[in-house]
Amino acid sequence: MFDFRIRRMGLLGGLAIGLGAGLLPAAAQAERGYGRGWSGEIVLCESHRGREAWCPADTRGGVRLLRQHSNASCIEGRTWGWDRRGIWVAGGCRAEFAAYGGHPGRGHGRGHGRGRGGAIGIHPVFVTCESHRGRTQWCDAPLGRGGVRLVEQYSRAACIEGRTWGWDRRGIWVADGCRGEFAVY
């Protein structure tokens, strides 16, 4: 029914070690791995033929898209999202997500439902920011009120938070051809 992979991350460094294929249903393949100083899980969640897929995960501390595997765009709130039960993908989005289980308040965000809405009572400011010829571009944005979310990706190049786009007190930055519209809360 659903196709997903989970890697549980421990406290020691090392390589991922696969569990035996016969231990889990065909739809799910789990791998154990080790990271440094982080306890959570990496979830591969895939939408096939544009259908919505659901991947169970501990999302109490937030979710972040780590690596997009699909040609179809993975846009939070539109083709992927999460709530307390797990992560959903749709529209052909296939990606690896970091699920920060059990660590609320660590700056990894809150659950996002579908659509463009943000926190209740806060109206976002929309900023378009574009990287041309792979160069990093900084865009002015009224930051400091909440956070930033990619709401529409204009580029074929992947827009992945922390890798090809991000934000800090100076504004929003994009790189490696990422072009999109961002909501600033």
N, C-alpha and C. Protein backbone atom coordinates (compact mmCIF):
# COMPACT_ATOMS: atom_id res chain seq x y z
N MET A 1 0.82 -1.18 0.00
CA MET A 1 0.00 0.00 0.00
C MET A 1 0.87 1.25 0.00
N PHE A 2 1.75 1.41 0.96
CA PHE A 2 2.63 2.56 1.00
C PHE A 2 4.07 2.08 0.86
N ASP A 3 4.90 2.92 0.29
CA ASP A 3 6.30 2.56 0.09
C ASP A 3 7.14 3.53 0.89
N PHE A 4 7.80 3.05 1.91
CA PHE A 4 8.65 3.93 2.70
C PHE A 4 9.78 3.15 3.32
N ARG A 5 10.85 3.87 3.64
CA ARG A 5 12.00 3.30 4.33
C ARG A 5 12.28 4.18 5.54
N ILE A 6 12.67 3.58 6.62
CA ILE A 6 13.00 4.32 7.83
C ILE A 6 14.39 3.94 8.27
N ARG A 7 15.20 4.95 8.60
CA ARG A 7 16.51 4.72 9.20
C ARG A 7 16.49 5.37 10.56
N ARG A 8 16.65 4.61 11.60
CA ARG A 8 16.71 5.17 12.95
C ARG A 8 18.15 5.59 13.21
N MET A 9 18.32 6.80 13.73
CA MET A 9 19.66 7.32 13.94
C MET A 9 19.97 7.29 15.44
N GLY A 10 21.10 6.72 15.80
CA GLY A 10 21.54 6.66 17.19
C GLY A 10 22.55 7.74 17.49
N LEU A 11 23.33 7.56 18.53
CA LEU A 11 24.26 8.58 18.98
C LEU A 11 25.69 8.36 18.49
N LEU A 12 26.01 7.22 17.91
CA LEU A 12 27.38 6.93 17.49
C LEU A 12 27.52 7.05 15.99
N GLY A 13 28.73 7.41 15.50
CA GLY A 13 28.97 7.51 14.06
C GLY A 13 29.15 6.13 13.45
N GLY A 14 28.83 5.99 12.17
CA GLY A 14 29.01 4.72 11.51
C GLY A 14 28.23 4.64 10.22
N LEU A 15 28.14 3.44 9.67
CA LEU A 15 27.43 3.22 8.42
C LEU A 15 26.07 2.60 8.68
N ALA A 16 25.16 2.77 7.71
CA ALA A 16 23.83 2.17 7.83
C ALA A 16 23.94 0.66 7.69
N ILE A 17 23.21 -0.06 8.51
CA ILE A 17 23.20 -1.51 8.47
C ILE A 17 21.77 -1.94 8.18
N GLY A 18 21.55 -2.63 7.08
CA GLY A 18 20.18 -3.02 6.68
C GLY A 18 19.67 -4.16 7.53
N LEU A 19 18.39 -4.13 7.82
CA LEU A 19 17.73 -5.26 8.47
C LEU A 19 17.43 -6.31 7.43
N GLY A 20 17.25 -7.52 7.85
CA GLY A 20 16.92 -8.59 6.91
C GLY A 20 15.62 -8.29 6.18
N ALA A 21 15.60 -8.53 4.88
CA ALA A 21 14.44 -8.19 4.06
C ALA A 21 13.19 -8.94 4.49
N GLY A 22 13.35 -10.13 5.04
CA GLY A 22 12.19 -10.91 5.44
C GLY A 22 11.55 -10.46 6.74
N LEU A 23 12.16 -9.55 7.47
CA LEU A 23 11.64 -9.13 8.76
C LEU A 23 10.50 -8.14 8.65
N LEU A 24 10.37 -7.47 7.50
CA LEU A 24 9.35 -6.44 7.35
C LEU A 24 8.49 -6.73 6.13
N PRO A 25 7.27 -6.18 6.09
CA PRO A 25 6.44 -6.34 4.90
C PRO A 25 7.14 -5.75 3.68
N ALA A 26 6.75 -6.19 2.49
CA ALA A 26 7.38 -5.73 1.26
C ALA A 26 7.29 -4.23 1.09
N ALA A 27 6.22 -3.61 1.61
CA ALA A 27 6.04 -2.17 1.44
C ALA A 27 7.00 -1.35 2.28
N ALA A 28 7.58 -1.96 3.30
CA ALA A 28 8.44 -1.20 4.20
C ALA A 28 9.78 -1.90 4.33
N GLN A 29 10.85 -1.15 4.20
CA GLN A 29 12.19 -1.68 4.40
C GLN A 29 12.88 -0.76 5.38
N ALA A 30 13.26 -1.26 6.54
CA ALA A 30 13.88 -0.41 7.55
C ALA A 30 15.38 -0.64 7.56
N GLU A 31 16.11 0.41 7.86
CA GLU A 31 17.56 0.33 8.01
C GLU A 31 17.94 0.99 9.32
N ARG A 32 18.91 0.42 10.00
CA ARG A 32 19.43 1.06 11.20
C ARG A 32 20.75 1.72 10.85
N GLY A 33 20.95 2.92 11.40
CA GLY A 33 22.18 3.63 11.12
C GLY A 33 22.59 4.41 12.35
N TYR A 34 23.68 5.12 12.24
CA TYR A 34 24.19 5.87 13.37
C TYR A 34 24.60 7.25 12.93
N GLY A 35 24.16 8.26 13.67
CA GLY A 35 24.55 9.64 13.41
C GLY A 35 25.28 10.17 14.61
N ARG A 36 25.58 11.43 14.65
CA ARG A 36 26.29 12.01 15.79
C ARG A 36 25.39 13.00 16.50
N GLY A 37 25.02 12.68 17.75
CA GLY A 37 24.30 13.62 18.59
C GLY A 37 22.86 13.88 18.19
N TRP A 38 22.24 13.00 17.45
CA TRP A 38 20.87 13.21 17.02
C TRP A 38 20.12 11.91 17.12
N SER A 39 18.95 11.94 17.70
CA SER A 39 18.13 10.75 17.80
C SER A 39 16.83 11.03 17.08
N GLY A 40 16.63 10.42 15.96
CA GLY A 40 15.43 10.61 15.15
C GLY A 40 15.40 9.54 14.10
N GLU A 41 14.74 9.83 12.98
CA GLU A 41 14.69 8.86 11.91
C GLU A 41 14.70 9.56 10.57
N ILE A 42 15.29 8.89 9.60
CA ILE A 42 15.27 9.34 8.22
C ILE A 42 14.21 8.48 7.54
N VAL A 43 13.24 9.12 6.91
CA VAL A 43 12.13 8.41 6.29
C VAL A 43 12.13 8.69 4.79
N LEU A 44 12.17 7.63 3.99
CA LEU A 44 12.00 7.77 2.55
C LEU A 44 10.52 7.56 2.28
N CYS A 45 9.86 8.60 1.78
CA CYS A 45 8.43 8.54 1.53
C CYS A 45 8.21 8.84 0.05
N GLU A 46 7.43 8.00 -0.63
CA GLU A 46 7.31 8.10 -2.08
C GLU A 46 5.86 8.09 -2.54
N SER A 47 5.53 9.03 -3.41
CA SER A 47 4.23 9.07 -4.08
C SER A 47 4.41 8.43 -5.46
N HIS A 48 3.67 7.38 -5.73
CA HIS A 48 3.75 6.71 -7.03
C HIS A 48 2.52 7.02 -7.86
N ARG A 49 2.74 7.31 -9.14
CA ARG A 49 1.67 7.66 -10.08
C ARG A 49 0.84 8.84 -9.57
N GLY A 50 1.48 9.75 -8.84
CA GLY A 50 0.81 10.95 -8.36
C GLY A 50 -0.10 10.74 -7.17
N ARG A 51 -0.22 9.50 -6.70
CA ARG A 51 -1.12 9.19 -5.59
C ARG A 51 -0.50 9.60 -4.26
N GLU A 52 -1.37 9.93 -3.32
CA GLU A 52 -0.90 10.27 -1.98
C GLU A 52 -0.42 9.01 -1.27
N ALA A 53 0.68 9.15 -0.55
CA ALA A 53 1.21 8.05 0.27
C ALA A 53 1.43 8.58 1.68
N TRP A 54 1.28 7.70 2.64
CA TRP A 54 1.44 8.06 4.05
C TRP A 54 2.57 7.24 4.64
N CYS A 55 3.48 7.88 5.36
CA CYS A 55 4.61 7.19 5.97
C CYS A 55 4.62 7.49 7.47
N PRO A 56 4.37 6.51 8.31
CA PRO A 56 4.36 6.74 9.75
C PRO A 56 5.74 7.14 10.25
N ALA A 57 5.78 8.13 11.16
CA ALA A 57 7.04 8.60 11.73
C ALA A 57 6.74 9.36 13.01
N ASP A 58 7.71 9.41 13.91
CA ASP A 58 7.61 10.22 15.12
C ASP A 58 8.00 11.64 14.75
N THR A 59 7.02 12.52 14.65
CA THR A 59 7.24 13.89 14.17
C THR A 59 7.11 14.93 15.28
N ARG A 60 7.16 14.51 16.53
CA ARG A 60 6.93 15.45 17.64
C ARG A 60 7.90 16.63 17.64
N GLY A 61 9.10 16.45 17.13
CA GLY A 61 10.07 17.55 17.09
C GLY A 61 10.16 18.24 15.74
N GLY A 62 9.33 17.84 14.78
CA GLY A 62 9.32 18.48 13.47
C GLY A 62 9.83 17.57 12.38
N VAL A 63 9.72 18.03 11.15
CA VAL A 63 10.15 17.28 9.97
C VAL A 63 10.84 18.24 9.02
N ARG A 64 11.86 17.75 8.34
CA ARG A 64 12.59 18.56 7.37
C ARG A 64 12.90 17.70 6.15
N LEU A 65 12.69 18.25 4.96
CA LEU A 65 13.04 17.53 3.74
C LEU A 65 14.55 17.56 3.61
N LEU A 66 15.16 16.38 3.47
CA LEU A 66 16.61 16.29 3.36
C LEU A 66 17.08 16.16 1.92
N ARG A 67 16.48 15.22 1.17
CA ARG A 67 16.95 14.95 -0.18
C ARG A 67 15.76 14.56 -1.05
N GLN A 68 15.55 15.31 -2.11
CA GLN A 68 14.48 15.01 -3.05
C GLN A 68 14.99 14.00 -4.07
N HIS A 69 14.21 12.94 -4.32
CA HIS A 69 14.60 11.90 -5.27
C HIS A 69 13.78 11.95 -6.55
N SER A 70 12.74 12.74 -6.58
CA SER A 70 11.84 12.77 -7.73
C SER A 70 12.12 13.97 -8.64
N ASN A 71 11.71 13.84 -9.89
CA ASN A 71 11.71 14.99 -10.79
C ASN A 71 10.55 15.91 -10.46
N ALA A 72 9.45 15.35 -9.95
CA ALA A 72 8.31 16.15 -9.52
C ALA A 72 8.71 16.97 -8.30
N SER A 73 8.20 18.17 -8.20
CA SER A 73 8.54 19.05 -7.08
C SER A 73 8.00 18.52 -5.77
N CYS A 74 8.77 18.70 -4.72
CA CYS A 74 8.34 18.41 -3.36
C CYS A 74 8.21 19.75 -2.65
N ILE A 75 6.99 20.22 -2.48
CA ILE A 75 6.74 21.53 -1.90
C ILE A 75 5.90 21.34 -0.65
N GLU A 76 6.43 21.78 0.49
CA GLU A 76 5.74 21.61 1.75
C GLU A 76 4.38 22.29 1.71
N GLY A 77 3.37 21.57 2.18
CA GLY A 77 2.02 22.09 2.19
C GLY A 77 1.26 21.80 0.91
N ARG A 78 1.96 21.47 -0.14
CA ARG A 78 1.30 21.17 -1.42
C ARG A 78 1.51 19.71 -1.82
N THR A 79 2.76 19.27 -1.90
CA THR A 79 3.02 17.88 -2.30
C THR A 79 3.66 17.07 -1.18
N TRP A 80 3.88 17.68 -0.03
CA TRP A 80 4.28 16.92 1.15
C TRP A 80 3.92 17.72 2.39
N GLY A 81 3.76 17.00 3.49
CA GLY A 81 3.45 17.63 4.77
C GLY A 81 3.54 16.60 5.87
N TRP A 82 3.19 17.02 7.06
CA TRP A 82 3.28 16.11 8.19
C TRP A 82 2.35 16.56 9.30
N ASP A 83 2.03 15.63 10.17
CA ASP A 83 1.30 15.91 11.39
C ASP A 83 1.79 14.93 12.44
N ARG A 84 1.07 14.79 13.52
CA ARG A 84 1.55 13.96 14.63
C ARG A 84 1.63 12.47 14.27
N ARG A 85 0.95 12.06 13.20
CA ARG A 85 0.94 10.65 12.81
C ARG A 85 2.06 10.26 11.87
N GLY A 86 2.60 11.23 11.12
CA GLY A 86 3.64 10.90 10.16
C GLY A 86 3.75 11.91 9.04
N ILE A 87 4.30 11.46 7.92
CA ILE A 87 4.59 12.31 6.76
C ILE A 87 3.74 11.83 5.59
N TRP A 88 3.18 12.77 4.81
CA TRP A 88 2.45 12.41 3.60
C TRP A 88 3.13 13.04 2.40
N VAL A 89 3.04 12.38 1.26
CA VAL A 89 3.54 12.90 -0.01
C VAL A 89 2.47 12.69 -1.07
N ALA A 90 2.50 13.50 -2.12
CA ALA A 90 1.53 13.40 -3.21
C ALA A 90 2.14 13.99 -4.47
N GLY A 91 1.45 13.85 -5.59
CA GLY A 91 1.87 14.49 -6.83
C GLY A 91 3.21 14.02 -7.37
N GLY A 92 3.63 12.81 -7.02
CA GLY A 92 4.89 12.28 -7.51
C GLY A 92 6.11 12.65 -6.68
N CYS A 93 5.92 13.36 -5.58
CA CYS A 93 7.05 13.71 -4.69
C CYS A 93 7.63 12.45 -4.08
N ARG A 94 8.95 12.29 -4.19
CA ARG A 94 9.69 11.21 -3.54
C ARG A 94 10.89 11.84 -2.88
N ALA A 95 11.04 11.64 -1.57
CA ALA A 95 12.13 12.31 -0.86
C ALA A 95 12.44 11.61 0.45
N GLU A 96 13.64 11.94 0.97
CA GLU A 96 14.03 11.53 2.31
C GLU A 96 13.75 12.69 3.24
N PHE A 97 13.15 12.38 4.38
CA PHE A 97 12.78 13.38 5.37
C PHE A 97 13.44 13.04 6.71
N ALA A 98 13.85 14.06 7.44
CA ALA A 98 14.32 13.87 8.81
C ALA A 98 13.14 14.12 9.73
N ALA A 99 12.79 13.14 10.53
CA ALA A 99 11.71 13.27 11.50
C ALA A 99 12.37 13.39 12.87
N TYR A 100 12.20 14.55 13.49
CA TYR A 100 12.83 14.84 14.78
C TYR A 100 11.89 14.41 15.89
N GLY A 101 11.92 13.15 16.23
CA GLY A 101 11.00 12.61 17.22
C GLY A 101 11.37 12.96 18.64
N GLY A 102 10.37 13.37 19.40
CA GLY A 102 10.53 13.55 20.83
C GLY A 102 11.35 14.73 21.29
N HIS A 103 11.66 15.66 20.41
CA HIS A 103 12.45 16.82 20.81
C HIS A 103 11.76 18.12 20.41
N PRO A 104 10.51 18.35 20.86
CA PRO A 104 9.86 19.59 20.47
C PRO A 104 10.61 20.79 21.00
N GLY A 105 10.51 21.90 20.29
CA GLY A 105 11.15 23.13 20.75
C GLY A 105 12.60 23.25 20.36
N ARG A 106 13.10 22.40 19.46
CA ARG A 106 14.50 22.47 19.05
C ARG A 106 14.70 23.26 17.78
N GLY A 107 13.69 24.02 17.36
CA GLY A 107 13.85 24.86 16.19
C GLY A 107 13.62 24.15 14.87
N HIS A 108 13.01 22.98 14.89
CA HIS A 108 12.79 22.25 13.64
C HIS A 108 11.39 22.46 13.10
N GLY A 109 10.62 23.32 13.72
CA GLY A 109 9.31 23.67 13.17
C GLY A 109 8.19 22.92 13.84
N ARG A 110 6.98 23.13 13.31
CA ARG A 110 5.78 22.51 13.82
C ARG A 110 5.09 21.82 12.66
N GLY A 111 4.10 21.02 12.96
CA GLY A 111 3.38 20.31 11.91
C GLY A 111 2.68 21.27 10.98
N HIS A 112 2.64 20.93 9.71
CA HIS A 112 1.98 21.75 8.70
C HIS A 112 0.91 20.92 8.04
N GLY A 113 -0.27 21.47 7.98
CA GLY A 113 -1.34 20.82 7.23
C GLY A 113 -1.22 21.20 5.77
N ARG A 114 -2.22 20.86 5.00
CA ARG A 114 -2.21 21.19 3.58
C ARG A 114 -2.52 22.66 3.39
N GLY A 115 -2.06 23.20 2.28
CA GLY A 115 -2.37 24.58 1.93
C GLY A 115 -1.27 25.53 2.34
N ARG A 116 -1.57 26.82 2.20
CA ARG A 116 -0.55 27.84 2.40
C ARG A 116 -0.62 28.49 3.77
N GLY A 117 -1.53 28.09 4.60
CA GLY A 117 -1.72 28.78 5.87
C GLY A 117 -0.55 28.62 6.81
N GLY A 118 -0.35 29.60 7.65
CA GLY A 118 0.68 29.54 8.67
C GLY A 118 0.02 29.53 10.03
N ALA A 119 0.69 30.11 11.00
CA ALA A 119 0.13 30.17 12.34
C ALA A 119 -1.13 31.03 12.33
N ILE A 120 -2.06 30.72 13.18
CA ILE A 120 -3.32 31.47 13.25
C ILE A 120 -3.04 32.91 13.61
N GLY A 121 -3.64 33.82 12.86
CA GLY A 121 -3.51 35.24 13.15
C GLY A 121 -2.28 35.89 12.55
N ILE A 122 -1.41 35.13 11.90
CA ILE A 122 -0.22 35.70 11.29
C ILE A 122 -0.37 35.61 9.78
N HIS A 123 -0.30 36.74 9.09
CA HIS A 123 -0.42 36.75 7.63
C HIS A 123 0.98 36.80 7.04
N PRO A 124 1.29 35.89 6.16
CA PRO A 124 2.64 35.85 5.60
C PRO A 124 2.89 36.97 4.59
N VAL A 125 4.16 37.31 4.44
CA VAL A 125 4.63 38.18 3.37
C VAL A 125 5.27 37.26 2.36
N PHE A 126 4.95 37.42 1.07
CA PHE A 126 5.49 36.54 0.04
C PHE A 126 6.68 37.21 -0.65
N VAL A 127 7.77 36.45 -0.77
CA VAL A 127 9.01 36.95 -1.36
C VAL A 127 9.44 35.96 -2.45
N THR A 128 9.74 36.48 -3.64
CA THR A 128 10.29 35.65 -4.71
C THR A 128 11.81 35.78 -4.67
N CYS A 129 12.50 34.65 -4.68
CA CYS A 129 13.96 34.66 -4.63
C CYS A 129 14.45 33.63 -5.65
N GLU A 130 15.44 34.04 -6.48
CA GLU A 130 15.87 33.20 -7.59
C GLU A 130 17.39 33.13 -7.69
N SER A 131 17.89 31.91 -7.86
CA SER A 131 19.31 31.68 -8.12
C SER A 131 19.47 31.50 -9.62
N HIS A 132 20.31 32.32 -10.24
CA HIS A 132 20.56 32.21 -11.68
C HIS A 132 21.98 31.73 -11.92
N ARG A 133 22.14 30.85 -12.90
CA ARG A 133 23.44 30.25 -13.25
C ARG A 133 24.10 29.56 -12.05
N GLY A 134 23.29 29.03 -11.16
CA GLY A 134 23.80 28.28 -10.01
C GLY A 134 24.39 29.13 -8.90
N ARG A 135 24.35 30.44 -9.05
CA ARG A 135 24.95 31.32 -8.04
C ARG A 135 24.03 31.50 -6.83
N THR A 136 24.65 31.71 -5.67
CA THR A 136 23.89 32.00 -4.47
C THR A 136 23.38 33.43 -4.54
N GLN A 137 22.11 33.60 -4.22
CA GLN A 137 21.46 34.91 -4.25
C GLN A 137 20.80 35.16 -2.91
N TRP A 138 21.01 36.35 -2.35
CA TRP A 138 20.35 36.75 -1.11
C TRP A 138 19.19 37.66 -1.47
N CYS A 139 18.06 37.51 -0.78
CA CYS A 139 16.87 38.32 -1.03
C CYS A 139 16.41 38.92 0.29
N ASP A 140 16.14 40.22 0.27
CA ASP A 140 15.64 40.89 1.48
C ASP A 140 14.27 40.34 1.85
N ALA A 141 14.06 40.16 3.14
CA ALA A 141 12.77 39.66 3.63
C ALA A 141 12.57 40.17 5.05
N PRO A 142 11.33 40.47 5.43
CA PRO A 142 11.04 40.96 6.78
C PRO A 142 11.04 39.80 7.78
N LEU A 143 12.22 39.36 8.19
CA LEU A 143 12.35 38.19 9.06
C LEU A 143 12.23 38.57 10.53
N GLY A 144 12.18 37.56 11.36
CA GLY A 144 12.16 37.78 12.79
C GLY A 144 10.79 37.58 13.41
N ARG A 145 9.77 37.36 12.59
CA ARG A 145 8.43 37.18 13.13
C ARG A 145 8.06 35.72 13.35
N GLY A 146 8.69 34.82 12.66
CA GLY A 146 8.31 33.42 12.80
C GLY A 146 9.22 32.49 12.04
N GLY A 147 9.08 32.44 10.76
CA GLY A 147 9.88 31.53 9.96
C GLY A 147 9.64 31.76 8.48
N VAL A 148 10.20 30.87 7.67
CA VAL A 148 10.08 30.97 6.22
C VAL A 148 9.68 29.60 5.69
N ARG A 149 8.81 29.58 4.69
CA ARG A 149 8.37 28.34 4.05
C ARG A 149 8.36 28.52 2.55
N LEU A 150 8.85 27.54 1.82
CA LEU A 150 8.75 27.54 0.37
C LEU A 150 7.31 27.19 0.02
N VAL A 151 6.62 28.08 -0.71
CA VAL A 151 5.23 27.81 -1.05
C VAL A 151 5.05 27.45 -2.52
N GLU A 152 5.97 27.89 -3.38
CA GLU A 152 5.90 27.51 -4.78
C GLU A 152 7.30 27.48 -5.38
N GLN A 153 7.64 26.37 -5.98
CA GLN A 153 8.94 26.22 -6.63
C GLN A 153 8.77 26.53 -8.11
N TYR A 154 9.59 27.46 -8.63
CA TYR A 154 9.52 27.85 -10.04
C TYR A 154 10.56 27.12 -10.89
N SER A 155 11.59 26.61 -10.27
CA SER A 155 12.71 26.01 -11.00
C SER A 155 12.54 24.51 -11.17
N ARG A 156 13.25 23.99 -12.17
CA ARG A 156 13.35 22.53 -12.30
C ARG A 156 14.37 22.01 -11.30
N ALA A 157 15.37 22.84 -10.97
CA ALA A 157 16.36 22.47 -9.97
C ALA A 157 15.66 22.33 -8.62
N ALA A 158 16.09 21.37 -7.83
CA ALA A 158 15.47 21.13 -6.53
C ALA A 158 15.68 22.30 -5.58
N CYS A 159 14.65 22.61 -4.83
CA CYS A 159 14.74 23.60 -3.75
C CYS A 159 14.60 22.83 -2.44
N ILE A 160 15.71 22.65 -1.75
CA ILE A 160 15.74 21.85 -0.54
C ILE A 160 16.26 22.72 0.59
N GLU A 161 15.43 22.89 1.61
CA GLU A 161 15.81 23.76 2.73
C GLU A 161 17.10 23.25 3.37
N GLY A 162 18.01 24.18 3.62
CA GLY A 162 19.29 23.85 4.22
C GLY A 162 20.36 23.48 3.22
N ARG A 163 19.95 23.14 2.00
CA ARG A 163 20.92 22.79 0.97
C ARG A 163 20.91 23.81 -0.17
N THR A 164 19.73 24.07 -0.75
CA THR A 164 19.66 25.01 -1.87
C THR A 164 18.84 26.25 -1.53
N TRP A 165 18.31 26.30 -0.33
CA TRP A 165 17.71 27.54 0.16
C TRP A 165 17.68 27.52 1.68
N GLY A 166 17.61 28.72 2.24
CA GLY A 166 17.57 28.87 3.69
C GLY A 166 17.34 30.32 4.05
N TRP A 167 17.43 30.62 5.33
CA TRP A 167 17.23 32.00 5.77
C TRP A 167 17.93 32.22 7.10
N ASP A 168 18.27 33.46 7.32
CA ASP A 168 18.81 33.91 8.60
C ASP A 168 18.47 35.38 8.75
N ARG A 169 19.09 36.07 9.69
CA ARG A 169 18.74 37.47 9.95
C ARG A 169 18.99 38.38 8.76
N ARG A 170 19.83 37.95 7.81
CA ARG A 170 20.13 38.77 6.62
C ARG A 170 19.07 38.65 5.54
N GLY A 171 18.29 37.59 5.55
CA GLY A 171 17.26 37.39 4.54
C GLY A 171 17.17 35.95 4.11
N ILE A 172 16.60 35.73 2.94
CA ILE A 172 16.46 34.40 2.36
C ILE A 172 17.57 34.22 1.34
N TRP A 173 18.18 33.03 1.29
CA TRP A 173 19.18 32.75 0.27
C TRP A 173 18.74 31.54 -0.55
N VAL A 174 19.12 31.57 -1.81
CA VAL A 174 18.88 30.44 -2.71
C VAL A 174 20.18 30.14 -3.45
N ALA A 175 20.36 28.90 -3.89
CA ALA A 175 21.60 28.50 -4.58
C ALA A 175 21.30 27.37 -5.56
N ASP A 176 22.27 27.06 -6.40
CA ASP A 176 22.23 25.92 -7.31
C ASP A 176 20.97 25.88 -8.19
N GLY A 177 20.49 27.06 -8.61
CA GLY A 177 19.36 27.12 -9.53
C GLY A 177 17.99 27.09 -8.89
N CYS A 178 17.91 27.05 -7.57
CA CYS A 178 16.61 27.08 -6.89
C CYS A 178 15.94 28.43 -7.12
N ARG A 179 14.70 28.41 -7.56
CA ARG A 179 13.90 29.63 -7.73
C ARG A 179 12.51 29.35 -7.17
N GLY A 180 12.00 30.26 -6.35
CA GLY A 180 10.68 30.02 -5.79
C GLY A 180 10.09 31.20 -5.07
N GLU A 181 8.85 30.98 -4.61
CA GLU A 181 8.15 31.98 -3.81
C GLU A 181 8.14 31.47 -2.37
N PHE A 182 8.49 32.34 -1.46
CA PHE A 182 8.63 31.98 -0.05
C PHE A 182 7.64 32.79 0.79
N ALA A 183 7.04 32.14 1.76
CA ALA A 183 6.16 32.82 2.71
C ALA A 183 6.97 33.10 3.96
N VAL A 184 6.98 34.36 4.37
CA VAL A 184 7.69 34.78 5.58
C VAL A 184 6.64 35.06 6.64
N TYR A 185 6.72 34.38 7.78
CA TYR A 185 5.74 34.53 8.86
C TYR A 185 6.31 35.33 10.00
